[in-house]
Amino acid sequence: MKYYSTEELIFEEGIFKSYENGYLSFQLNNGELIKFEQINNNILNLYDLKSKIHIGKKFQIEYLEIIDDLDDEDFVILKLNKLKIL
């Protein structure tokens, strides 16, 4: 079986829910809750997301959905690239 990897750049709007154990959680406009395990360092420098001051605020979200095929199983990574408070 051939190994493959794909990346898709996605733009969404969502409400910031939490920062726990290194993961940022957002609830998208469609109700889906997503967690980002990879976060651009510029975001952490720009917004203090480890505190609770931004919980409940709406953001424009730009992220990469990275899919790697490992042994016939897709492994999905969500990498947060950019945030902007709306």
PDB file of N, CA and C in Angstrom:
ATOM      1  N   MET A   1       0.846  -1.190   0.000  1.00  0.00           N
ATOM      2  CA  MET A   1       0.000   0.000   0.000  1.00  0.00           C
ATOM      3  C   MET A   1       0.883   1.241   0.000  1.00  0.00           C
ATOM      4  N   LYS A   2       0.518   2.213  -0.811  1.00  0.00           N
ATOM      5  CA  LYS A   2       1.277   3.448  -0.877  1.00  0.00           C
ATOM      6  C   LYS A   2       0.884   4.379   0.262  1.00  0.00           C
ATOM      7  N   TYR A   3       1.879   5.038   0.794  1.00  0.00           N
ATOM      8  CA  TYR A   3       1.669   6.068   1.801  1.00  0.00           C
ATOM      9  C   TYR A   3       1.303   7.362   1.097  1.00  0.00           C
ATOM     10  N   TYR A   4       0.345   8.097   1.655  1.00  0.00           N
ATOM     11  CA  TYR A   4       0.047   9.409   1.090  1.00  0.00           C
ATOM     12  C   TYR A   4      -0.237  10.407   2.197  1.00  0.00           C
ATOM     13  N   SER A   5      -0.108  11.673   1.841  1.00  0.00           N
ATOM     14  CA  SER A   5      -0.371  12.759   2.778  1.00  0.00           C
ATOM     15  C   SER A   5      -1.029  13.893   2.001  1.00  0.00           C
ATOM     16  N   THR A   6      -2.091  14.468   2.557  1.00  0.00           N
ATOM     17  CA  THR A   6      -2.752  15.607   1.927  1.00  0.00           C
ATOM     18  C   THR A   6      -2.960  16.705   2.959  1.00  0.00           C
ATOM     19  N   GLU A   7      -3.016  17.937   2.466  1.00  0.00           N
ATOM     20  CA  GLU A   7      -3.288  19.084   3.327  1.00  0.00           C
ATOM     21  C   GLU A   7      -4.375  19.922   2.678  1.00  0.00           C
ATOM     22  N   GLU A   8      -5.322  20.388   3.498  1.00  0.00           N
ATOM     23  CA  GLU A   8      -6.375  21.270   3.006  1.00  0.00           C
ATOM     24  C   GLU A   8      -6.465  22.471   3.931  1.00  0.00           C
ATOM     25  N   LEU A   9      -6.412  23.670   3.350  1.00  0.00           N
ATOM     26  CA  LEU A   9      -6.548  24.901   4.117  1.00  0.00           C
ATOM     27  C   LEU A   9      -8.035  25.219   4.245  1.00  0.00           C
ATOM     28  N   ILE A  10      -8.492  25.430   5.486  1.00  0.00           N
ATOM     29  CA  ILE A  10      -9.915  25.628   5.765  1.00  0.00           C
ATOM     30  C   ILE A  10     -10.108  26.934   6.526  1.00  0.00           C
ATOM     31  N   PHE A  11     -11.171  27.651   6.175  1.00  0.00           N
ATOM     32  CA  PHE A  11     -11.546  28.897   6.847  1.00  0.00           C
ATOM     33  C   PHE A  11     -12.919  28.706   7.476  1.00  0.00           C
ATOM     34  N   GLU A  12     -13.044  29.030   8.755  1.00  0.00           N
ATOM     35  CA  GLU A  12     -14.295  28.871   9.495  1.00  0.00           C
ATOM     36  C   GLU A  12     -14.449  30.029  10.463  1.00  0.00           C
ATOM     37  N   GLU A  13     -15.627  30.127  11.063  1.00  0.00           N
ATOM     38  CA  GLU A  13     -15.857  30.999  12.208  1.00  0.00           C
ATOM     39  C   GLU A  13     -16.296  30.111  13.353  1.00  0.00           C
ATOM     40  N   GLY A  14     -15.855  30.466  14.561  1.00  0.00           N
ATOM     41  CA  GLY A  14     -16.225  29.653  15.703  1.00  0.00           C
ATOM     42  C   GLY A  14     -16.018  30.379  17.016  1.00  0.00           C
ATOM     43  N   ILE A  15     -16.608  29.805  18.054  1.00  0.00           N
ATOM     44  CA  ILE A  15     -16.530  30.334  19.414  1.00  0.00           C
ATOM     45  C   ILE A  15     -15.432  29.586  20.164  1.00  0.00           C
ATOM     46  N   PHE A  16     -14.534  30.344  20.795  1.00  0.00           N
ATOM     47  CA  PHE A  16     -13.464  29.730  21.589  1.00  0.00           C
ATOM     48  C   PHE A  16     -14.065  29.115  22.844  1.00  0.00           C
ATOM     49  N   LYS A  17     -13.799  27.837  23.073  1.00  0.00           N
ATOM     50  CA  LYS A  17     -14.357  27.104  24.209  1.00  0.00           C
ATOM     51  C   LYS A  17     -13.360  26.857  25.324  1.00  0.00           C
ATOM     52  N   SER A  18     -12.132  26.413  24.978  1.00  0.00           N
ATOM     53  CA  SER A  18     -11.194  26.088  26.058  1.00  0.00           C
ATOM     54  C   SER A  18      -9.781  25.872  25.537  1.00  0.00           C
ATOM     55  N   TYR A  19      -8.850  25.930  26.490  1.00  0.00           N
ATOM     56  CA  TYR A  19      -7.467  25.508  26.276  1.00  0.00           C
ATOM     57  C   TYR A  19      -7.173  24.510  27.386  1.00  0.00           C
ATOM     58  N   GLU A  20      -7.027  23.243  27.018  1.00  0.00           N
ATOM     59  CA  GLU A  20      -6.778  22.189  28.000  1.00  0.00           C
ATOM     60  C   GLU A  20      -5.719  21.232  27.475  1.00  0.00           C
ATOM     61  N   ASN A  21      -4.737  20.951  28.300  1.00  0.00           N
ATOM     62  CA  ASN A  21      -3.696  19.971  27.983  1.00  0.00           C
ATOM     63  C   ASN A  21      -3.034  20.223  26.631  1.00  0.00           C
ATOM     64  N   GLY A  22      -2.860  21.498  26.275  1.00  0.00           N
ATOM     65  CA  GLY A  22      -2.205  21.841  25.026  1.00  0.00           C
ATOM     66  C   GLY A  22      -3.112  21.868  23.806  1.00  0.00           C
ATOM     67  N   TYR A  23      -4.409  21.622  23.977  1.00  0.00           N
ATOM     68  CA  TYR A  23      -5.371  21.624  22.880  1.00  0.00           C
ATOM     69  C   TYR A  23      -6.285  22.839  22.977  1.00  0.00           C
ATOM     70  N   LEU A  24      -6.505  23.515  21.846  1.00  0.00           N
ATOM     71  CA  LEU A  24      -7.479  24.601  21.771  1.00  0.00           C
ATOM     72  C   LEU A  24      -8.769  24.047  21.186  1.00  0.00           C
ATOM     73  N   SER A  25      -9.907  24.379  21.814  1.00  0.00           N
ATOM     74  CA  SER A  25     -11.209  23.903  21.347  1.00  0.00           C
ATOM     75  C   SER A  25     -12.071  25.066  20.888  1.00  0.00           C
ATOM     76  N   PHE A  26     -12.716  24.879  19.741  1.00  0.00           N
ATOM     77  CA  PHE A  26     -13.632  25.864  19.180  1.00  0.00           C
ATOM     78  C   PHE A  26     -14.911  25.161  18.753  1.00  0.00           C
ATOM     79  N   GLN A  27     -16.043  25.843  18.942  1.00  0.00           N
ATOM     80  CA  GLN A  27     -17.300  25.341  18.409  1.00  0.00           C
ATOM     81  C   GLN A  27     -17.603  26.134  17.142  1.00  0.00           C
ATOM     82  N   LEU A  28     -17.683  25.427  16.023  1.00  0.00           N
ATOM     83  CA  LEU A  28     -17.911  26.062  14.733  1.00  0.00           C
ATOM     84  C   LEU A  28     -19.370  26.480  14.589  1.00  0.00           C
ATOM     85  N   ASN A  29     -19.654  27.307  13.586  1.00  0.00           N
ATOM     86  CA  ASN A  29     -21.018  27.781  13.347  1.00  0.00           C
ATOM     87  C   ASN A  29     -22.003  26.646  13.099  1.00  0.00           C
ATOM     88  N   ASN A  30     -21.523  25.516  12.567  1.00  0.00           N
ATOM     89  CA  ASN A  30     -22.398  24.372  12.305  1.00  0.00           C
ATOM     90  C   ASN A  30     -22.608  23.499  13.546  1.00  0.00           C
ATOM     91  N   GLY A  31     -22.047  23.908  14.694  1.00  0.00           N
ATOM     92  CA  GLY A  31     -22.217  23.170  15.943  1.00  0.00           C
ATOM     93  C   GLY A  31     -21.111  22.176  16.247  1.00  0.00           C
ATOM     94  N   GLU A  32     -20.267  21.886  15.269  1.00  0.00           N
ATOM     95  CA  GLU A  32     -19.178  20.924  15.458  1.00  0.00           C
ATOM     96  C   GLU A  32     -18.124  21.494  16.406  1.00  0.00           C
ATOM     97  N   LEU A  33     -17.658  20.673  17.336  1.00  0.00           N
ATOM     98  CA  LEU A  33     -16.586  21.045  18.256  1.00  0.00           C
ATOM     99  C   LEU A  33     -15.285  20.457  17.719  1.00  0.00           C
ATOM    100  N   ILE A  34     -14.292  21.325  17.483  1.00  0.00           N
ATOM    101  CA  ILE A  34     -13.010  20.830  16.984  1.00  0.00           C
ATOM    102  C   ILE A  34     -11.902  21.215  17.957  1.00  0.00           C
ATOM    103  N   LYS A  35     -10.882  20.349  18.003  1.00  0.00           N
ATOM    104  CA  LYS A  35      -9.723  20.574  18.868  1.00  0.00           C
ATOM    105  C   LYS A  35      -8.473  20.603  18.008  1.00  0.00           C
ATOM    106  N   PHE A  36      -7.646  21.609  18.264  1.00  0.00           N
ATOM    107  CA  PHE A  36      -6.394  21.758  17.534  1.00  0.00           C
ATOM    108  C   PHE A  36      -5.248  21.268  18.396  1.00  0.00           C
ATOM    109  N   GLU A  37      -4.495  20.306  17.854  1.00  0.00           N
ATOM    110  CA  GLU A  37      -3.347  19.777  18.584  1.00  0.00           C
ATOM    111  C   GLU A  37      -2.055  20.466  18.183  1.00  0.00           C
ATOM    112  N   GLN A  38      -2.048  21.140  17.043  1.00  0.00           N
ATOM    113  CA  GLN A  38      -0.896  21.936  16.623  1.00  0.00           C
ATOM    114  C   GLN A  38      -1.347  23.383  16.480  1.00  0.00           C
ATOM    115  N   ILE A  39      -0.553  24.302  17.053  1.00  0.00           N
ATOM    116  CA  ILE A  39      -0.937  25.711  17.099  1.00  0.00           C
ATOM    117  C   ILE A  39       0.263  26.562  16.691  1.00  0.00           C
ATOM    118  N   ASN A  40       0.049  27.465  15.751  1.00  0.00           N
ATOM    119  CA  ASN A  40       1.085  28.399  15.335  1.00  0.00           C
ATOM    120  C   ASN A  40       1.495  29.246  16.542  1.00  0.00           C
ATOM    121  N   ASN A  41       2.797  29.350  16.798  1.00  0.00           N
ATOM    122  CA  ASN A  41       3.294  30.105  17.959  1.00  0.00           C
ATOM    123  C   ASN A  41       2.879  31.567  17.938  1.00  0.00           C
ATOM    124  N   ASN A  42       2.708  32.144  16.748  1.00  0.00           N
ATOM    125  CA  ASN A  42       2.273  33.540  16.662  1.00  0.00           C
ATOM    126  C   ASN A  42       0.912  33.747  17.317  1.00  0.00           C
ATOM    127  N   ILE A  43       0.046  32.755  17.231  1.00  0.00           N
ATOM    128  CA  ILE A  43      -1.279  32.848  17.856  1.00  0.00           C
ATOM    129  C   ILE A  43      -1.143  32.910  19.366  1.00  0.00           C
ATOM    130  N   LEU A  44      -0.297  32.071  19.918  1.00  0.00           N
ATOM    131  CA  LEU A  44      -0.117  32.054  21.375  1.00  0.00           C
ATOM    132  C   LEU A  44       0.519  33.342  21.869  1.00  0.00           C
ATOM    133  N   ASN A  45       1.340  33.979  21.034  1.00  0.00           N
ATOM    134  CA  ASN A  45       1.939  35.261  21.405  1.00  0.00           C
ATOM    135  C   ASN A  45       0.950  36.415  21.273  1.00  0.00           C
ATOM    136  N   LEU A  46       0.025  36.313  20.326  1.00  0.00           N
ATOM    137  CA  LEU A  46      -0.935  37.380  20.063  1.00  0.00           C
ATOM    138  C   LEU A  46      -2.106  37.371  21.044  1.00  0.00           C
ATOM    139  N   TYR A  47      -2.610  36.188  21.366  1.00  0.00           N
ATOM    140  CA  TYR A  47      -3.769  36.039  22.251  1.00  0.00           C
ATOM    141  C   TYR A  47      -3.387  35.180  23.452  1.00  0.00           C
ATOM    142  N   ASP A  48      -3.804  35.593  24.627  1.00  0.00           N
ATOM    143  CA  ASP A  48      -3.556  34.811  25.843  1.00  0.00           C
ATOM    144  C   ASP A  48      -4.665  33.770  25.986  1.00  0.00           C
ATOM    145  N   LEU A  49      -4.560  32.705  25.191  1.00  0.00           N
ATOM    146  CA  LEU A  49      -5.613  31.697  25.161  1.00  0.00           C
ATOM    147  C   LEU A  49      -5.526  30.707  26.313  1.00  0.00           C
ATOM    148  N   LYS A  50      -4.442  30.744  27.058  1.00  0.00           N
ATOM    149  CA  LYS A  50      -4.334  29.870  28.227  1.00  0.00           C
ATOM    150  C   LYS A  50      -5.151  30.411  29.394  1.00  0.00           C
ATOM    151  N   SER A  51      -5.422  31.710  29.377  1.00  0.00           N
ATOM    152  CA  SER A  51      -6.298  32.285  30.403  1.00  0.00           C
ATOM    153  C   SER A  51      -7.739  32.140  29.910  1.00  0.00           C
ATOM    154  N   LYS A  52      -8.678  32.577  30.711  1.00  0.00           N
ATOM    155  CA  LYS A  52     -10.085  32.409  30.360  1.00  0.00           C
ATOM    156  C   LYS A  52     -10.698  33.667  29.745  1.00  0.00           C
ATOM    157  N   ILE A  53      -9.882  34.695  29.457  1.00  0.00           N
ATOM    158  CA  ILE A  53     -10.457  35.970  29.015  1.00  0.00           C
ATOM    159  C   ILE A  53     -11.085  35.912  27.622  1.00  0.00           C
ATOM    160  N   HIS A  54     -10.704  34.961  26.782  1.00  0.00           N
ATOM    161  CA  HIS A  54     -11.249  34.874  25.421  1.00  0.00           C
ATOM    162  C   HIS A  54     -12.319  33.796  25.267  1.00  0.00           C
ATOM    163  N   ILE A  55     -12.625  33.060  26.327  1.00  0.00           N
ATOM    164  CA  ILE A  55     -13.659  32.025  26.240  1.00  0.00           C
ATOM    165  C   ILE A  55     -14.991  32.685  25.901  1.00  0.00           C
ATOM    166  N   GLY A  56     -15.676  32.119  24.920  1.00  0.00           N
ATOM    167  CA  GLY A  56     -16.966  32.640  24.485  1.00  0.00           C
ATOM    168  C   GLY A  56     -16.880  33.677  23.381  1.00  0.00           C
ATOM    169  N   LYS A  57     -15.671  34.091  23.009  1.00  0.00           N
ATOM    170  CA  LYS A  57     -15.514  35.077  21.940  1.00  0.00           C
ATOM    171  C   LYS A  57     -15.492  34.379  20.581  1.00  0.00           C
ATOM    172  N   LYS A  58     -16.000  35.100  19.579  1.00  0.00           N
ATOM    173  CA  LYS A  58     -16.059  34.563  18.225  1.00  0.00           C
ATOM    174  C   LYS A  58     -14.792  34.942  17.462  1.00  0.00           C
ATOM    175  N   PHE A  59     -14.246  33.966  16.749  1.00  0.00           N
ATOM    176  CA  PHE A  59     -13.015  34.142  15.988  1.00  0.00           C
ATOM    177  C   PHE A  59     -13.208  33.702  14.542  1.00  0.00           C
ATOM    178  N   GLN A  60     -12.456  34.335  13.653  1.00  0.00           N
ATOM    179  CA  GLN A  60     -12.254  33.812  12.310  1.00  0.00           C
ATOM    180  C   GLN A  60     -11.070  32.857  12.435  1.00  0.00           C
ATOM    181  N   ILE A  61     -11.223  31.646  11.934  1.00  0.00           N
ATOM    182  CA  ILE A  61     -10.240  30.581  12.132  1.00  0.00           C
ATOM    183  C   ILE A  61      -9.703  30.126  10.776  1.00  0.00           C
ATOM    184  N   GLU A  62      -8.382  30.043  10.673  1.00  0.00           N
ATOM    185  CA  GLU A  62      -7.736  29.468   9.492  1.00  0.00           C
ATOM    186  C   GLU A  62      -6.902  28.290   9.978  1.00  0.00           C
ATOM    187  N   TYR A  63      -7.174  27.100   9.421  1.00  0.00           N
ATOM    188  CA  TYR A  63      -6.419  25.929   9.861  1.00  0.00           C
ATOM    189  C   TYR A  63      -6.160  24.964   8.716  1.00  0.00           C
ATOM    190  N   LEU A  64      -5.174  24.116   8.942  1.00  0.00           N
ATOM    191  CA  LEU A  64      -4.830  23.051   8.004  1.00  0.00           C
ATOM    192  C   LEU A  64      -5.374  21.732   8.525  1.00  0.00           C
ATOM    193  N   GLU A  65      -6.036  20.994   7.645  1.00  0.00           N
ATOM    194  CA  GLU A  65      -6.409  19.617   7.950  1.00  0.00           C
ATOM    195  C   GLU A  65      -5.401  18.743   7.211  1.00  0.00           C
ATOM    196  N   ILE A  66      -4.569  18.065   7.970  1.00  0.00           N
ATOM    197  CA  ILE A  66      -3.501  17.238   7.410  1.00  0.00           C
ATOM    198  C   ILE A  66      -3.902  15.778   7.587  1.00  0.00           C
ATOM    199  N   ILE A  67      -3.971  15.058   6.467  1.00  0.00           N
ATOM    200  CA  ILE A  67      -4.356  13.646   6.517  1.00  0.00           C
ATOM    201  C   ILE A  67      -3.183  12.815   6.031  1.00  0.00           C
ATOM    202  N   ASP A  68      -2.725  11.917   6.874  1.00  0.00           N
ATOM    203  CA  ASP A  68      -1.664  10.970   6.530  1.00  0.00           C
ATOM    204  C   ASP A  68      -2.254   9.573   6.525  1.00  0.00           C
ATOM    205  N   ASP A  69      -1.941   8.803   5.506  1.00  0.00           N
ATOM    206  CA  ASP A  69      -2.381   7.414   5.433  1.00  0.00           C
ATOM    207  C   ASP A  69      -1.255   6.539   5.966  1.00  0.00           C
ATOM    208  N   LEU A  70      -1.487   5.950   7.108  1.00  0.00           N
ATOM    209  CA  LEU A  70      -0.508   5.056   7.724  1.00  0.00           C
ATOM    210  C   LEU A  70      -1.122   3.668   7.837  1.00  0.00           C
ATOM    211  N   ASP A  71      -0.615   2.721   7.086  1.00  0.00           N
ATOM    212  CA  ASP A  71      -1.094   1.338   7.156  1.00  0.00           C
ATOM    213  C   ASP A  71      -2.603   1.230   6.970  1.00  0.00           C
ATOM    214  N   ASP A  72      -3.116   1.851   5.926  1.00  0.00           N
ATOM    215  CA  ASP A  72      -4.545   1.814   5.578  1.00  0.00           C
ATOM    216  C   ASP A  72      -5.445   2.512   6.584  1.00  0.00           C
ATOM    217  N   GLU A  73      -4.888   3.298   7.484  1.00  0.00           N
ATOM    218  CA  GLU A  73      -5.693   4.079   8.420  1.00  0.00           C
ATOM    219  C   GLU A  73      -5.330   5.545   8.256  1.00  0.00           C
ATOM    220  N   ASP A  74      -6.353   6.386   8.091  1.00  0.00           N
ATOM    221  CA  ASP A  74      -6.108   7.817   7.968  1.00  0.00           C
ATOM    222  C   ASP A  74      -5.879   8.424   9.341  1.00  0.00           C
ATOM    223  N   PHE A  75      -4.836   9.214   9.452  1.00  0.00           N
ATOM    224  CA  PHE A  75      -4.482   9.922  10.673  1.00  0.00           C
ATOM    225  C   PHE A  75      -4.666  11.401  10.377  1.00  0.00           C
ATOM    226  N   VAL A  76      -5.576  12.072  11.106  1.00  0.00           N
ATOM    227  CA  VAL A  76      -5.920  13.466  10.840  1.00  0.00           C
ATOM    228  C   VAL A  76      -5.322  14.366  11.918  1.00  0.00           C
ATOM    229  N   ILE A  77      -4.633  15.413  11.473  1.00  0.00           N
ATOM    230  CA  ILE A  77      -4.062  16.422  12.368  1.00  0.00           C
ATOM    231  C   ILE A  77      -4.679  17.767  11.992  1.00  0.00           C
ATOM    232  N   LEU A  78      -5.122  18.519  12.996  1.00  0.00           N
ATOM    233  CA  LEU A  78      -5.639  19.864  12.772  1.00  0.00           C
ATOM    234  C   LEU A  78      -4.615  20.862  13.289  1.00  0.00           C
ATOM    235  N   LYS A  79      -4.112  21.703  12.394  1.00  0.00           N
ATOM    236  CA  LYS A  79      -3.103  22.696  12.757  1.00  0.00           C
ATOM    237  C   LYS A  79      -3.695  24.092  12.612  1.00  0.00           C
ATOM    238  N   LEU A  80      -3.768  24.815  13.717  1.00  0.00           N
ATOM    239  CA  LEU A  80      -4.311  26.168  13.733  1.00  0.00           C
ATOM    240  C   LEU A  80      -3.255  27.136  13.218  1.00  0.00           C
ATOM    241  N   ASN A  81      -3.559  27.827  12.105  1.00  0.00           N
ATOM    242  CA  ASN A  81      -2.605  28.748  11.479  1.00  0.00           C
ATOM    243  C   ASN A  81      -2.805  30.191  11.904  1.00  0.00           C
ATOM    244  N   LYS A  82      -4.065  30.673  11.831  1.00  0.00           N
ATOM    245  CA  LYS A  82      -4.353  32.078  12.126  1.00  0.00           C
ATOM    246  C   LYS A  82      -5.677  32.210  12.860  1.00  0.00           C
ATOM    247  N   LEU A  83      -5.754  33.243  13.701  1.00  0.00           N
ATOM    248  CA  LEU A  83      -6.983  33.599  14.410  1.00  0.00           C
ATOM    249  C   LEU A  83      -7.180  35.101  14.331  1.00  0.00           C
ATOM    250  N   LYS A  84      -8.450  35.504  14.280  1.00  0.00           N
ATOM    251  CA  LYS A  84      -8.781  36.925  14.339  1.00  0.00           C
ATOM    252  C   LYS A  84     -10.096  37.062  15.097  1.00  0.00           C
ATOM    253  N   ILE A  85     -10.102  37.907  16.134  1.00  0.00           N
ATOM    254  CA  ILE A  85     -11.335  38.138  16.889  1.00  0.00           C
ATOM    255  C   ILE A  85     -12.312  38.896  16.000  1.00  0.00           C
ATOM    256  N   LEU A  86     -13.557  38.440  15.985  1.00  0.00           N
ATOM    257  CA  LEU A  86     -14.601  39.114  15.195  1.00  0.00           C
ATOM    258  C   LEU A  86     -15.426  40.042  16.063  1.00  0.00           C
TER     259      LEU A  86
END
